[in-house]
């Protein structure tokens, strides 16, 4: 967090603001035409988990295991 890591909103980078606490986080969407309910990508094809773990100076496994069970998951299968 604290402006180092980011997620994607409408395909645009939105930096995390402050600390990520439990399963709550804040992001800066300044300049992004978005609204409540829009999809936010924490990691995926356009934002590999390895990139996020490098920014957070940890390993991908730690990032994955620290995501609360209350966070909605969407799975895709080819």
N, C-alpha and C. Protein backbone atom coordinates (compact mmCIF):
# COMPACT_ATOMS: atom_id res chain seq x y z
N UNK A 1 0.81 -1.20 0.00
CA UNK A 1 0.00 0.00 0.00
C UNK A 1 0.85 1.26 0.00
N UNK A 2 0.30 2.28 0.59
CA UNK A 2 0.96 3.59 0.72
C UNK A 2 1.52 4.13 -0.59
N UNK A 3 0.76 3.98 -1.68
CA UNK A 3 1.17 4.55 -2.95
C UNK A 3 2.17 3.73 -3.73
N UNK A 4 2.65 2.62 -3.17
CA UNK A 4 3.62 1.79 -3.88
C UNK A 4 2.93 0.77 -4.77
N UNK A 5 1.88 0.17 -4.27
CA UNK A 5 1.16 -0.85 -5.03
C UNK A 5 -0.08 -0.22 -5.67
N UNK A 6 -0.62 -0.89 -6.64
CA UNK A 6 -1.79 -0.38 -7.33
C UNK A 6 -2.66 -1.53 -7.80
N UNK A 7 -3.89 -1.20 -8.14
CA UNK A 7 -4.81 -2.15 -8.75
C UNK A 7 -5.26 -1.52 -10.07
N UNK A 8 -6.14 -2.20 -10.78
CA UNK A 8 -6.62 -1.67 -12.06
C UNK A 8 -8.11 -1.37 -11.97
N UNK A 9 -8.49 -0.18 -12.39
CA UNK A 9 -9.88 0.23 -12.49
C UNK A 9 -10.09 0.70 -13.92
N UNK A 10 -10.99 0.00 -14.63
CA UNK A 10 -11.23 0.31 -16.05
C UNK A 10 -9.93 0.29 -16.84
N UNK A 11 -9.04 -0.66 -16.48
CA UNK A 11 -7.79 -0.83 -17.19
C UNK A 11 -6.72 0.19 -16.85
N UNK A 12 -6.99 1.08 -15.90
CA UNK A 12 -6.04 2.11 -15.52
C UNK A 12 -5.52 1.85 -14.10
N UNK A 13 -4.27 2.20 -13.89
CA UNK A 13 -3.66 2.00 -12.58
C UNK A 13 -4.24 2.96 -11.55
N UNK A 14 -4.64 2.42 -10.42
CA UNK A 14 -5.14 3.21 -9.30
C UNK A 14 -4.32 2.84 -8.07
N UNK A 15 -3.49 3.75 -7.58
CA UNK A 15 -2.63 3.42 -6.44
C UNK A 15 -3.42 3.27 -5.14
N UNK A 16 -2.96 2.34 -4.31
CA UNK A 16 -3.54 2.19 -2.97
C UNK A 16 -3.11 3.39 -2.14
N UNK A 17 -4.01 3.87 -1.28
CA UNK A 17 -3.74 4.99 -0.40
C UNK A 17 -3.71 4.46 1.03
N UNK A 18 -2.70 4.80 1.78
CA UNK A 18 -2.62 4.36 3.17
C UNK A 18 -2.33 2.87 3.25
N UNK A 19 -2.56 2.32 4.42
CA UNK A 19 -2.31 0.90 4.64
C UNK A 19 -3.52 0.07 4.28
N UNK A 20 -3.26 -1.14 3.82
CA UNK A 20 -4.33 -2.10 3.57
C UNK A 20 -4.58 -2.81 4.90
N UNK A 21 -5.80 -2.69 5.41
CA UNK A 21 -6.14 -3.24 6.73
C UNK A 21 -7.17 -4.34 6.60
N UNK A 22 -6.81 -5.53 7.01
CA UNK A 22 -7.68 -6.70 6.93
C UNK A 22 -8.17 -6.85 5.49
N UNK A 23 -9.45 -6.66 5.22
CA UNK A 23 -9.93 -6.77 3.84
C UNK A 23 -10.50 -5.44 3.35
N UNK A 24 -9.96 -4.34 3.87
CA UNK A 24 -10.39 -3.01 3.47
C UNK A 24 -9.19 -2.25 2.91
N UNK A 25 -9.39 -1.60 1.79
CA UNK A 25 -8.34 -0.77 1.22
C UNK A 25 -8.97 0.44 0.54
N UNK A 26 -8.17 1.48 0.36
CA UNK A 26 -8.61 2.68 -0.34
C UNK A 26 -7.69 2.88 -1.53
N UNK A 27 -8.27 3.33 -2.64
CA UNK A 27 -7.47 3.59 -3.83
C UNK A 27 -7.78 4.99 -4.35
N UNK A 28 -6.81 5.57 -5.03
CA UNK A 28 -6.96 6.90 -5.62
C UNK A 28 -7.43 6.74 -7.07
N UNK A 29 -8.66 7.14 -7.34
CA UNK A 29 -9.23 7.00 -8.69
C UNK A 29 -9.29 8.35 -9.40
N UNK A 30 -8.48 9.31 -8.95
CA UNK A 30 -8.43 10.61 -9.60
C UNK A 30 -8.10 10.43 -11.08
N UNK A 31 -8.91 11.02 -11.94
CA UNK A 31 -8.68 10.94 -13.38
C UNK A 31 -9.23 9.69 -14.04
N UNK A 32 -9.85 8.81 -13.28
CA UNK A 32 -10.44 7.59 -13.84
C UNK A 32 -11.95 7.74 -13.82
N UNK A 33 -12.57 7.61 -14.97
CA UNK A 33 -14.03 7.73 -15.08
C UNK A 33 -14.67 6.44 -14.58
N UNK A 34 -14.92 6.38 -13.28
CA UNK A 34 -15.47 5.16 -12.69
C UNK A 34 -16.61 5.50 -11.75
N UNK A 35 -17.33 4.46 -11.37
CA UNK A 35 -18.44 4.65 -10.44
C UNK A 35 -18.50 3.45 -9.50
N UNK A 36 -19.27 3.59 -8.44
CA UNK A 36 -19.45 2.50 -7.49
C UNK A 36 -19.97 1.28 -8.22
N UNK A 37 -19.39 0.14 -7.93
CA UNK A 37 -19.80 -1.11 -8.56
C UNK A 37 -18.93 -1.52 -9.74
N UNK A 38 -18.06 -0.62 -10.22
CA UNK A 38 -17.15 -0.98 -11.31
C UNK A 38 -16.15 -2.03 -10.82
N UNK A 39 -15.72 -2.86 -11.73
CA UNK A 39 -14.79 -3.94 -11.42
C UNK A 39 -13.41 -3.38 -11.10
N UNK A 40 -12.80 -3.94 -10.06
CA UNK A 40 -11.44 -3.59 -9.66
C UNK A 40 -10.61 -4.87 -9.72
N UNK A 41 -9.50 -4.83 -10.43
CA UNK A 41 -8.63 -6.00 -10.57
C UNK A 41 -7.47 -5.86 -9.59
N UNK A 42 -7.38 -6.80 -8.66
CA UNK A 42 -6.28 -6.80 -7.69
C UNK A 42 -5.05 -7.46 -8.31
N UNK A 43 -5.27 -8.54 -9.03
CA UNK A 43 -4.24 -9.17 -9.85
C UNK A 43 -4.94 -10.00 -10.91
N UNK A 44 -4.25 -10.23 -12.02
CA UNK A 44 -4.85 -10.97 -13.13
C UNK A 44 -3.94 -10.90 -14.34
N UNK A 45 -4.52 -11.11 -15.52
CA UNK A 45 -3.73 -11.13 -16.75
C UNK A 45 -2.95 -9.83 -16.96
N UNK A 46 -3.58 -8.69 -16.69
CA UNK A 46 -2.93 -7.40 -16.92
C UNK A 46 -2.14 -6.90 -15.71
N UNK A 47 -2.21 -7.62 -14.62
CA UNK A 47 -1.49 -7.26 -13.40
C UNK A 47 -1.08 -8.54 -12.69
N UNK A 48 0.05 -9.13 -13.12
CA UNK A 48 0.48 -10.41 -12.55
C UNK A 48 0.74 -10.33 -11.05
N UNK A 49 0.40 -11.39 -10.35
CA UNK A 49 0.61 -11.42 -8.90
C UNK A 49 2.09 -11.31 -8.56
N UNK A 50 2.96 -11.74 -9.45
CA UNK A 50 4.40 -11.62 -9.20
C UNK A 50 4.82 -10.15 -9.17
N UNK A 51 4.19 -9.32 -10.00
CA UNK A 51 4.49 -7.89 -9.99
C UNK A 51 4.05 -7.27 -8.66
N UNK A 52 2.87 -7.63 -8.21
CA UNK A 52 2.36 -7.12 -6.93
C UNK A 52 3.24 -7.59 -5.78
N UNK A 53 3.62 -8.85 -5.77
CA UNK A 53 4.46 -9.36 -4.67
C UNK A 53 5.84 -8.71 -4.68
N UNK A 54 6.38 -8.41 -5.86
CA UNK A 54 7.67 -7.70 -5.93
C UNK A 54 7.56 -6.30 -5.32
N UNK A 55 6.48 -5.59 -5.64
CA UNK A 55 6.26 -4.25 -5.09
C UNK A 55 6.16 -4.31 -3.57
N UNK A 56 5.47 -5.34 -3.07
CA UNK A 56 5.27 -5.48 -1.63
C UNK A 56 6.44 -6.17 -0.92
N UNK A 57 7.47 -6.53 -1.71
CA UNK A 57 8.67 -7.19 -1.20
C UNK A 57 8.35 -8.48 -0.44
N UNK A 58 7.57 -9.33 -1.10
CA UNK A 58 7.21 -10.62 -0.53
C UNK A 58 7.10 -11.63 -1.66
N UNK A 59 6.51 -12.77 -1.39
CA UNK A 59 6.33 -13.80 -2.40
C UNK A 59 4.85 -13.90 -2.78
N UNK A 60 4.56 -14.37 -3.99
CA UNK A 60 3.16 -14.47 -4.43
C UNK A 60 2.28 -15.28 -3.47
N UNK A 61 2.81 -16.36 -2.91
CA UNK A 61 2.04 -17.20 -2.00
C UNK A 61 1.53 -16.40 -0.80
N UNK A 62 2.37 -15.53 -0.25
CA UNK A 62 1.95 -14.73 0.90
C UNK A 62 0.82 -13.77 0.53
N UNK A 63 0.89 -13.18 -0.65
CA UNK A 63 -0.19 -12.29 -1.11
C UNK A 63 -1.49 -13.08 -1.21
N UNK A 64 -1.44 -14.23 -1.85
CA UNK A 64 -2.65 -15.05 -2.04
C UNK A 64 -3.26 -15.51 -0.72
N UNK A 65 -2.44 -15.94 0.21
CA UNK A 65 -2.98 -16.47 1.46
C UNK A 65 -3.46 -15.39 2.42
N UNK A 66 -3.12 -14.15 2.16
CA UNK A 66 -3.56 -13.05 3.02
C UNK A 66 -4.82 -12.36 2.54
N UNK A 67 -5.43 -12.86 1.47
CA UNK A 67 -6.68 -12.28 1.00
C UNK A 67 -7.82 -12.94 1.77
N UNK A 68 -8.60 -12.12 2.44
CA UNK A 68 -9.69 -12.60 3.30
C UNK A 68 -10.68 -13.45 2.52
N UNK A 69 -11.27 -14.40 3.20
CA UNK A 69 -12.32 -15.23 2.60
C UNK A 69 -13.57 -14.44 2.27
N UNK A 70 -13.69 -13.24 2.83
CA UNK A 70 -14.87 -12.40 2.54
C UNK A 70 -14.76 -11.67 1.22
N UNK A 71 -13.57 -11.67 0.61
CA UNK A 71 -13.38 -11.02 -0.68
C UNK A 71 -13.95 -11.92 -1.77
N UNK A 72 -14.82 -11.35 -2.60
CA UNK A 72 -15.45 -12.12 -3.67
C UNK A 72 -14.41 -12.58 -4.68
N UNK A 73 -14.50 -13.84 -5.06
CA UNK A 73 -13.62 -14.39 -6.08
C UNK A 73 -14.42 -14.68 -7.34
N UNK A 74 -13.80 -14.40 -8.48
CA UNK A 74 -14.40 -14.72 -9.77
C UNK A 74 -13.39 -15.57 -10.52
N UNK A 75 -13.80 -16.77 -10.91
CA UNK A 75 -12.91 -17.70 -11.60
C UNK A 75 -13.36 -17.85 -13.05
N UNK A 76 -12.40 -17.91 -13.94
CA UNK A 76 -12.68 -18.10 -15.36
C UNK A 76 -12.01 -19.38 -15.83
N UNK A 77 -12.66 -20.08 -16.72
CA UNK A 77 -12.08 -21.29 -17.29
C UNK A 77 -12.17 -21.19 -18.80
N UNK A 78 -11.07 -21.51 -19.48
CA UNK A 78 -11.07 -21.49 -20.95
C UNK A 78 -11.79 -22.69 -21.50
